[in-house]
Amino acid sequence: MKKSIVLISLFAAISVFAIGCGSEGKKSEDADFSKFAGDWYVDGSLENGHLSIDANGHVESYSYEDTVNYEGELKREEYENPDGSVGYLYSIYDGSEFIIGFYEPEEEDFYELYSGQDGEMHYVRSDHCTN
């Protein structure tokens, strides 16, 4: 009996972790990708790798050597917070593979993106880069 409870608890924890860590949420149809259009450099340095995003949500990822890492699509997805409110993520997919996601920026005119809950990846639009 204890093994069953532990296994059920473990499965539930894994399911919740997967939902919060990049699994595809509900796709939102009213996405405006034009506000993401441009080149976004890692940590704001023009010497680093970057993402190039067009107004239709097509994404190309480049290494610091300017070679293409992958081509993908930006998708706007909604998720439900524990309090029941709805939030939005912009997620990049290479085919069906989730690459990285960003919370919807609060500002209308934004120039920085931080990856999901961890905030580990930081991108700056090229017109605000330092070098």
N, C-alpha and C. Protein backbone atom coordinates (compact mmCIF):
# COMPACT_ATOMS: atom_id res chain seq x y z
N MET A 1 0.82 -1.19 0.00
CA MET A 1 0.00 0.00 0.00
C MET A 1 0.86 1.26 0.00
N LYS A 2 1.94 1.28 0.85
CA LYS A 2 2.82 2.43 0.90
C LYS A 2 3.51 2.67 -0.44
N LYS A 3 3.89 1.58 -1.12
CA LYS A 3 4.54 1.71 -2.43
C LYS A 3 3.59 2.36 -3.43
N SER A 4 2.32 1.98 -3.38
CA SER A 4 1.33 2.55 -4.30
C SER A 4 1.17 4.04 -4.06
N ILE A 5 1.09 4.44 -2.82
CA ILE A 5 0.94 5.86 -2.49
C ILE A 5 2.17 6.64 -2.95
N VAL A 6 3.35 6.08 -2.69
CA VAL A 6 4.59 6.75 -3.10
C VAL A 6 4.64 6.87 -4.62
N LEU A 7 4.30 5.82 -5.34
CA LEU A 7 4.32 5.86 -6.81
C LEU A 7 3.30 6.85 -7.36
N ILE A 8 2.11 6.88 -6.79
CA ILE A 8 1.09 7.83 -7.24
C ILE A 8 1.55 9.26 -6.96
N SER A 9 2.13 9.50 -5.79
CA SER A 9 2.63 10.84 -5.45
C SER A 9 3.76 11.25 -6.39
N LEU A 10 4.66 10.31 -6.68
CA LEU A 10 5.77 10.59 -7.58
C LEU A 10 5.25 10.91 -8.98
N PHE A 11 4.29 10.15 -9.47
CA PHE A 11 3.72 10.40 -10.79
C PHE A 11 3.04 11.76 -10.84
N ALA A 12 2.31 12.11 -9.79
CA ALA A 12 1.63 13.42 -9.74
C ALA A 12 2.65 14.55 -9.75
N ALA A 13 3.73 14.39 -8.98
CA ALA A 13 4.77 15.43 -8.94
C ALA A 13 5.43 15.59 -10.29
N ILE A 14 5.72 14.50 -10.97
CA ILE A 14 6.33 14.56 -12.30
C ILE A 14 5.39 15.23 -13.28
N SER A 15 4.11 14.92 -13.21
CA SER A 15 3.13 15.54 -14.11
C SER A 15 3.07 17.04 -13.91
N VAL A 16 3.04 17.49 -12.66
CA VAL A 16 2.99 18.92 -12.38
C VAL A 16 4.27 19.59 -12.84
N PHE A 17 5.43 18.96 -12.58
CA PHE A 17 6.71 19.52 -13.00
C PHE A 17 6.76 19.67 -14.51
N ALA A 18 6.30 18.68 -15.25
CA ALA A 18 6.33 18.74 -16.72
C ALA A 18 5.46 19.87 -17.24
N ILE A 19 4.31 20.10 -16.65
CA ILE A 19 3.43 21.17 -17.11
C ILE A 19 4.07 22.52 -16.87
N GLY A 20 4.73 22.70 -15.75
CA GLY A 20 5.33 23.99 -15.44
C GLY A 20 6.68 24.21 -16.08
N CYS A 21 7.24 23.23 -16.75
CA CYS A 21 8.60 23.37 -17.26
C CYS A 21 8.68 23.17 -18.76
N GLY A 22 7.79 23.76 -19.50
CA GLY A 22 7.98 23.80 -20.93
C GLY A 22 7.07 22.94 -21.77
N SER A 23 6.15 22.21 -21.18
CA SER A 23 5.24 21.47 -22.04
C SER A 23 4.30 22.46 -22.70
N GLU A 24 3.86 22.13 -23.87
CA GLU A 24 3.06 23.06 -24.65
C GLU A 24 1.73 23.35 -23.98
N GLY A 25 1.46 24.62 -23.76
CA GLY A 25 0.20 25.03 -23.17
C GLY A 25 -0.85 25.17 -24.25
N LYS A 26 -1.95 25.77 -23.90
CA LYS A 26 -3.02 26.00 -24.86
C LYS A 26 -2.60 27.11 -25.81
N LYS A 27 -2.66 26.83 -27.11
CA LYS A 27 -2.23 27.80 -28.11
C LYS A 27 -3.23 28.95 -28.16
N SER A 28 -2.71 30.17 -28.19
CA SER A 28 -3.53 31.36 -28.28
C SER A 28 -3.50 31.87 -29.72
N GLU A 29 -4.66 32.06 -30.32
CA GLU A 29 -4.75 32.44 -31.73
C GLU A 29 -4.50 33.92 -31.99
N ASP A 30 -4.65 34.78 -30.99
CA ASP A 30 -4.56 36.21 -31.23
C ASP A 30 -3.16 36.77 -30.95
N ALA A 31 -2.15 36.11 -31.46
CA ALA A 31 -0.78 36.51 -31.21
C ALA A 31 -0.31 37.57 -32.21
N ASP A 32 0.40 38.58 -31.68
CA ASP A 32 1.02 39.60 -32.51
C ASP A 32 2.52 39.44 -32.34
N PHE A 33 3.16 38.83 -33.34
CA PHE A 33 4.60 38.58 -33.25
C PHE A 33 5.43 39.76 -33.70
N SER A 34 4.80 40.78 -34.29
CA SER A 34 5.57 41.91 -34.81
C SER A 34 6.35 42.62 -33.71
N LYS A 35 5.84 42.59 -32.47
CA LYS A 35 6.55 43.25 -31.38
C LYS A 35 7.84 42.52 -31.01
N PHE A 36 8.00 41.28 -31.48
CA PHE A 36 9.23 40.51 -31.24
C PHE A 36 10.19 40.57 -32.42
N ALA A 37 9.76 41.17 -33.53
CA ALA A 37 10.57 41.18 -34.75
C ALA A 37 11.90 41.88 -34.50
N GLY A 38 12.96 41.22 -34.93
CA GLY A 38 14.30 41.79 -34.79
C GLY A 38 15.29 40.74 -34.36
N ASP A 39 16.49 41.20 -34.05
CA ASP A 39 17.56 40.32 -33.59
C ASP A 39 17.75 40.53 -32.09
N TRP A 40 17.78 39.43 -31.35
CA TRP A 40 17.87 39.42 -29.90
C TRP A 40 19.16 38.72 -29.49
N TYR A 41 20.10 39.45 -28.88
CA TYR A 41 21.42 38.93 -28.54
C TYR A 41 21.50 38.49 -27.08
N VAL A 42 22.17 37.37 -26.85
CA VAL A 42 22.36 36.84 -25.50
C VAL A 42 23.12 37.87 -24.68
N ASP A 43 22.55 38.24 -23.54
CA ASP A 43 23.12 39.20 -22.59
C ASP A 43 23.48 40.55 -23.22
N GLY A 44 22.90 40.88 -24.36
CA GLY A 44 23.08 42.21 -24.94
C GLY A 44 24.41 42.47 -25.60
N SER A 45 25.16 41.42 -25.92
CA SER A 45 26.44 41.59 -26.59
C SER A 45 26.33 41.13 -28.05
N LEU A 46 26.71 42.01 -28.97
CA LEU A 46 26.65 41.67 -30.39
C LEU A 46 27.65 40.58 -30.77
N GLU A 47 28.53 40.21 -29.85
CA GLU A 47 29.51 39.15 -30.09
C GLU A 47 28.96 37.78 -29.70
N ASN A 48 27.81 37.75 -29.03
CA ASN A 48 27.20 36.50 -28.60
C ASN A 48 26.25 35.95 -29.66
N GLY A 49 25.74 34.77 -29.40
CA GLY A 49 24.71 34.20 -30.26
C GLY A 49 23.44 35.02 -30.17
N HIS A 50 22.54 34.79 -31.12
CA HIS A 50 21.31 35.57 -31.11
C HIS A 50 20.15 34.83 -31.75
N LEU A 51 18.97 35.35 -31.49
CA LEU A 51 17.74 34.89 -32.12
C LEU A 51 17.31 35.95 -33.11
N SER A 52 16.92 35.53 -34.28
CA SER A 52 16.36 36.44 -35.27
C SER A 52 14.90 36.04 -35.45
N ILE A 53 13.99 36.97 -35.15
CA ILE A 53 12.55 36.69 -35.18
C ILE A 53 11.90 37.63 -36.18
N ASP A 54 11.07 37.08 -37.07
CA ASP A 54 10.35 37.95 -38.01
C ASP A 54 8.93 38.22 -37.52
N ALA A 55 8.23 39.10 -38.20
CA ALA A 55 6.89 39.54 -37.77
C ALA A 55 5.85 38.42 -37.81
N ASN A 56 6.15 37.31 -38.49
CA ASN A 56 5.23 36.17 -38.55
C ASN A 56 5.55 35.11 -37.50
N GLY A 57 6.58 35.34 -36.69
CA GLY A 57 6.94 34.40 -35.64
C GLY A 57 7.95 33.34 -36.04
N HIS A 58 8.55 33.47 -37.23
CA HIS A 58 9.60 32.53 -37.64
C HIS A 58 10.88 32.92 -36.90
N VAL A 59 11.58 31.91 -36.34
CA VAL A 59 12.77 32.14 -35.53
C VAL A 59 13.95 31.39 -36.12
N GLU A 60 15.09 32.07 -36.16
CA GLU A 60 16.36 31.41 -36.47
C GLU A 60 17.30 31.70 -35.32
N SER A 61 17.97 30.67 -34.84
CA SER A 61 18.92 30.81 -33.75
C SER A 61 20.33 30.69 -34.32
N TYR A 62 21.18 31.66 -33.98
CA TYR A 62 22.55 31.69 -34.48
C TYR A 62 23.53 31.57 -33.31
N SER A 63 24.62 30.85 -33.55
CA SER A 63 25.68 30.76 -32.56
C SER A 63 26.51 32.04 -32.61
N TYR A 64 27.45 32.18 -31.69
CA TYR A 64 28.32 33.35 -31.71
C TYR A 64 29.20 33.37 -32.97
N GLU A 65 29.34 32.21 -33.63
CA GLU A 65 30.10 32.13 -34.88
C GLU A 65 29.22 32.41 -36.08
N ASP A 66 27.97 32.78 -35.84
CA ASP A 66 26.97 33.13 -36.85
C ASP A 66 26.54 31.95 -37.73
N THR A 67 26.60 30.74 -37.17
CA THR A 67 26.04 29.58 -37.86
C THR A 67 24.65 29.30 -37.29
N VAL A 68 23.76 28.76 -38.10
CA VAL A 68 22.39 28.50 -37.67
C VAL A 68 22.35 27.27 -36.77
N ASN A 69 21.81 27.44 -35.56
CA ASN A 69 21.61 26.32 -34.63
C ASN A 69 20.32 25.58 -34.95
N TYR A 70 19.25 26.34 -35.17
CA TYR A 70 17.95 25.74 -35.50
C TYR A 70 17.06 26.82 -36.10
N GLU A 71 15.98 26.37 -36.74
CA GLU A 71 14.92 27.25 -37.21
C GLU A 71 13.65 26.77 -36.55
N GLY A 72 12.84 27.70 -36.08
CA GLY A 72 11.64 27.32 -35.36
C GLY A 72 10.54 28.35 -35.50
N GLU A 73 9.53 28.19 -34.65
CA GLU A 73 8.38 29.08 -34.66
C GLU A 73 8.09 29.56 -33.25
N LEU A 74 7.68 30.82 -33.16
CA LEU A 74 7.24 31.41 -31.91
C LEU A 74 5.74 31.18 -31.78
N LYS A 75 5.31 30.74 -30.61
CA LYS A 75 3.88 30.50 -30.37
C LYS A 75 3.48 31.19 -29.08
N ARG A 76 2.31 31.79 -29.10
CA ARG A 76 1.77 32.38 -27.88
C ARG A 76 0.87 31.33 -27.24
N GLU A 77 1.14 31.06 -25.96
CA GLU A 77 0.39 30.02 -25.25
C GLU A 77 -0.13 30.59 -23.94
N GLU A 78 -1.34 30.19 -23.60
CA GLU A 78 -1.87 30.62 -22.32
C GLU A 78 -1.71 29.51 -21.30
N TYR A 79 -1.56 29.90 -20.05
CA TYR A 79 -1.45 28.96 -18.95
C TYR A 79 -2.27 29.49 -17.79
N GLU A 80 -2.64 28.61 -16.90
CA GLU A 80 -3.42 29.00 -15.74
C GLU A 80 -2.53 29.00 -14.51
N ASN A 81 -2.56 30.09 -13.78
CA ASN A 81 -1.83 30.21 -12.52
C ASN A 81 -2.58 29.45 -11.43
N PRO A 82 -1.89 29.13 -10.34
CA PRO A 82 -2.56 28.44 -9.24
C PRO A 82 -3.78 29.19 -8.70
N ASP A 83 -3.78 30.53 -8.82
CA ASP A 83 -4.92 31.30 -8.33
C ASP A 83 -6.07 31.37 -9.33
N GLY A 84 -5.92 30.70 -10.50
CA GLY A 84 -6.97 30.67 -11.50
C GLY A 84 -6.85 31.72 -12.58
N SER A 85 -5.97 32.70 -12.40
CA SER A 85 -5.79 33.73 -13.43
C SER A 85 -5.03 33.14 -14.62
N VAL A 86 -5.18 33.78 -15.76
CA VAL A 86 -4.55 33.30 -16.99
C VAL A 86 -3.36 34.19 -17.33
N GLY A 87 -2.26 33.57 -17.72
CA GLY A 87 -1.07 34.29 -18.16
C GLY A 87 -0.68 33.80 -19.54
N TYR A 88 0.30 34.45 -20.14
CA TYR A 88 0.74 34.09 -21.48
C TYR A 88 2.24 33.92 -21.54
N LEU A 89 2.65 32.91 -22.30
CA LEU A 89 4.05 32.66 -22.62
C LEU A 89 4.23 32.74 -24.12
N TYR A 90 5.39 33.19 -24.53
CA TYR A 90 5.78 33.08 -25.93
C TYR A 90 6.87 32.03 -25.96
N SER A 91 6.58 30.90 -26.61
CA SER A 91 7.47 29.76 -26.62
C SER A 91 8.01 29.53 -28.01
N ILE A 92 9.29 29.15 -28.07
CA ILE A 92 9.91 28.81 -29.34
C ILE A 92 9.98 27.29 -29.45
N TYR A 93 9.51 26.80 -30.59
CA TYR A 93 9.54 25.37 -30.89
C TYR A 93 10.33 25.14 -32.16
N ASP A 94 11.14 24.11 -32.15
CA ASP A 94 11.82 23.60 -33.35
C ASP A 94 11.06 22.34 -33.70
N GLY A 95 10.12 22.46 -34.65
CA GLY A 95 9.19 21.36 -34.92
C GLY A 95 8.30 21.21 -33.70
N SER A 96 8.28 20.03 -33.10
CA SER A 96 7.48 19.82 -31.89
C SER A 96 8.31 19.94 -30.61
N GLU A 97 9.61 20.22 -30.75
CA GLU A 97 10.50 20.29 -29.59
C GLU A 97 10.51 21.70 -28.99
N PHE A 98 10.14 21.79 -27.72
CA PHE A 98 10.19 23.07 -27.00
C PHE A 98 11.65 23.47 -26.82
N ILE A 99 11.97 24.73 -27.14
CA ILE A 99 13.34 25.22 -26.99
C ILE A 99 13.44 26.15 -25.78
N ILE A 100 12.66 27.22 -25.78
CA ILE A 100 12.72 28.21 -24.71
C ILE A 100 11.42 29.01 -24.70
N GLY A 101 11.06 29.53 -23.55
CA GLY A 101 9.84 30.33 -23.44
C GLY A 101 10.09 31.61 -22.67
N PHE A 102 9.31 32.63 -22.97
CA PHE A 102 9.40 33.93 -22.32
C PHE A 102 8.00 34.34 -21.87
N TYR A 103 7.91 34.91 -20.67
CA TYR A 103 6.63 35.46 -20.24
C TYR A 103 6.30 36.65 -21.12
N GLU A 104 5.02 36.90 -21.32
CA GLU A 104 4.60 38.04 -22.11
C GLU A 104 5.09 39.32 -21.42
N PRO A 105 5.83 40.15 -22.15
CA PRO A 105 6.33 41.39 -21.54
C PRO A 105 5.19 42.31 -21.10
N GLU A 106 5.35 42.93 -19.95
CA GLU A 106 4.33 43.83 -19.42
C GLU A 106 4.35 45.17 -20.13
N GLU A 107 5.54 45.62 -20.55
CA GLU A 107 5.67 46.91 -21.21
C GLU A 107 5.27 46.79 -22.67
N GLU A 108 4.72 47.86 -23.21
CA GLU A 108 4.37 47.89 -24.63
C GLU A 108 5.62 47.96 -25.49
N ASP A 109 6.59 48.77 -25.07
CA ASP A 109 7.84 48.93 -25.81
C ASP A 109 8.95 48.28 -24.99
N PHE A 110 9.23 47.02 -25.26
CA PHE A 110 10.21 46.28 -24.48
C PHE A 110 11.43 45.97 -25.35
N TYR A 111 12.55 45.75 -24.71
CA TYR A 111 13.78 45.43 -25.44
C TYR A 111 14.58 44.32 -24.77
N GLU A 112 14.04 43.73 -23.69
CA GLU A 112 14.69 42.61 -23.02
C GLU A 112 13.73 41.46 -22.85
N LEU A 113 14.26 40.25 -22.96
CA LEU A 113 13.50 39.02 -22.72
C LEU A 113 14.29 38.14 -21.76
N TYR A 114 13.60 37.56 -20.79
CA TYR A 114 14.21 36.60 -19.87
C TYR A 114 13.44 35.29 -19.99
N SER A 115 14.16 34.19 -19.97
CA SER A 115 13.50 32.89 -20.11
C SER A 115 12.65 32.58 -18.90
N GLY A 116 11.50 31.97 -19.15
CA GLY A 116 10.54 31.46 -18.17
C GLY A 116 10.79 31.73 -16.71
N GLN A 117 10.50 30.76 -15.87
CA GLN A 117 10.59 30.93 -14.43
C GLN A 117 12.02 31.10 -13.95
N ASP A 118 12.98 30.50 -14.64
CA ASP A 118 14.35 30.57 -14.16
C ASP A 118 15.02 31.90 -14.49
N GLY A 119 14.59 32.58 -15.55
CA GLY A 119 15.19 33.84 -15.95
C GLY A 119 16.64 33.71 -16.35
N GLU A 120 17.08 32.48 -16.57
CA GLU A 120 18.49 32.20 -16.83
C GLU A 120 18.99 32.81 -18.14
N MET A 121 18.20 32.68 -19.19
CA MET A 121 18.61 33.23 -20.48
C MET A 121 18.09 34.65 -20.61
N HIS A 122 18.96 35.55 -21.01
CA HIS A 122 18.64 36.97 -21.12
C HIS A 122 18.99 37.42 -22.53
N TYR A 123 18.00 37.98 -23.24
CA TYR A 123 18.20 38.46 -24.60
C TYR A 123 17.87 39.95 -24.65
N VAL A 124 18.64 40.68 -25.45
CA VAL A 124 18.42 42.12 -25.62
C VAL A 124 18.29 42.39 -27.11
N ARG A 125 17.29 43.21 -27.47
CA ARG A 125 17.10 43.58 -28.88
C ARG A 125 18.34 44.33 -29.36
N SER A 126 18.75 44.09 -30.59
CA SER A 126 20.01 44.61 -31.12
C SER A 126 20.16 46.13 -30.98
N ASP A 127 19.08 46.88 -31.08
CA ASP A 127 19.20 48.34 -30.99
C ASP A 127 19.46 48.84 -29.57
N HIS A 128 19.51 47.92 -28.59
CA HIS A 128 19.83 48.28 -27.20
C HIS A 128 21.07 47.55 -26.70
N CYS A 129 21.82 46.92 -27.60
CA CYS A 129 23.03 46.18 -27.21
C CYS A 129 24.17 47.15 -26.91
N THR A 130 25.11 46.67 -26.11
CA THR A 130 26.22 47.51 -25.67
C THR A 130 27.40 47.55 -26.62
N ASN A 131 27.58 46.52 -27.44
CA ASN A 131 28.71 46.54 -28.38
C ASN A 131 28.37 45.76 -29.63
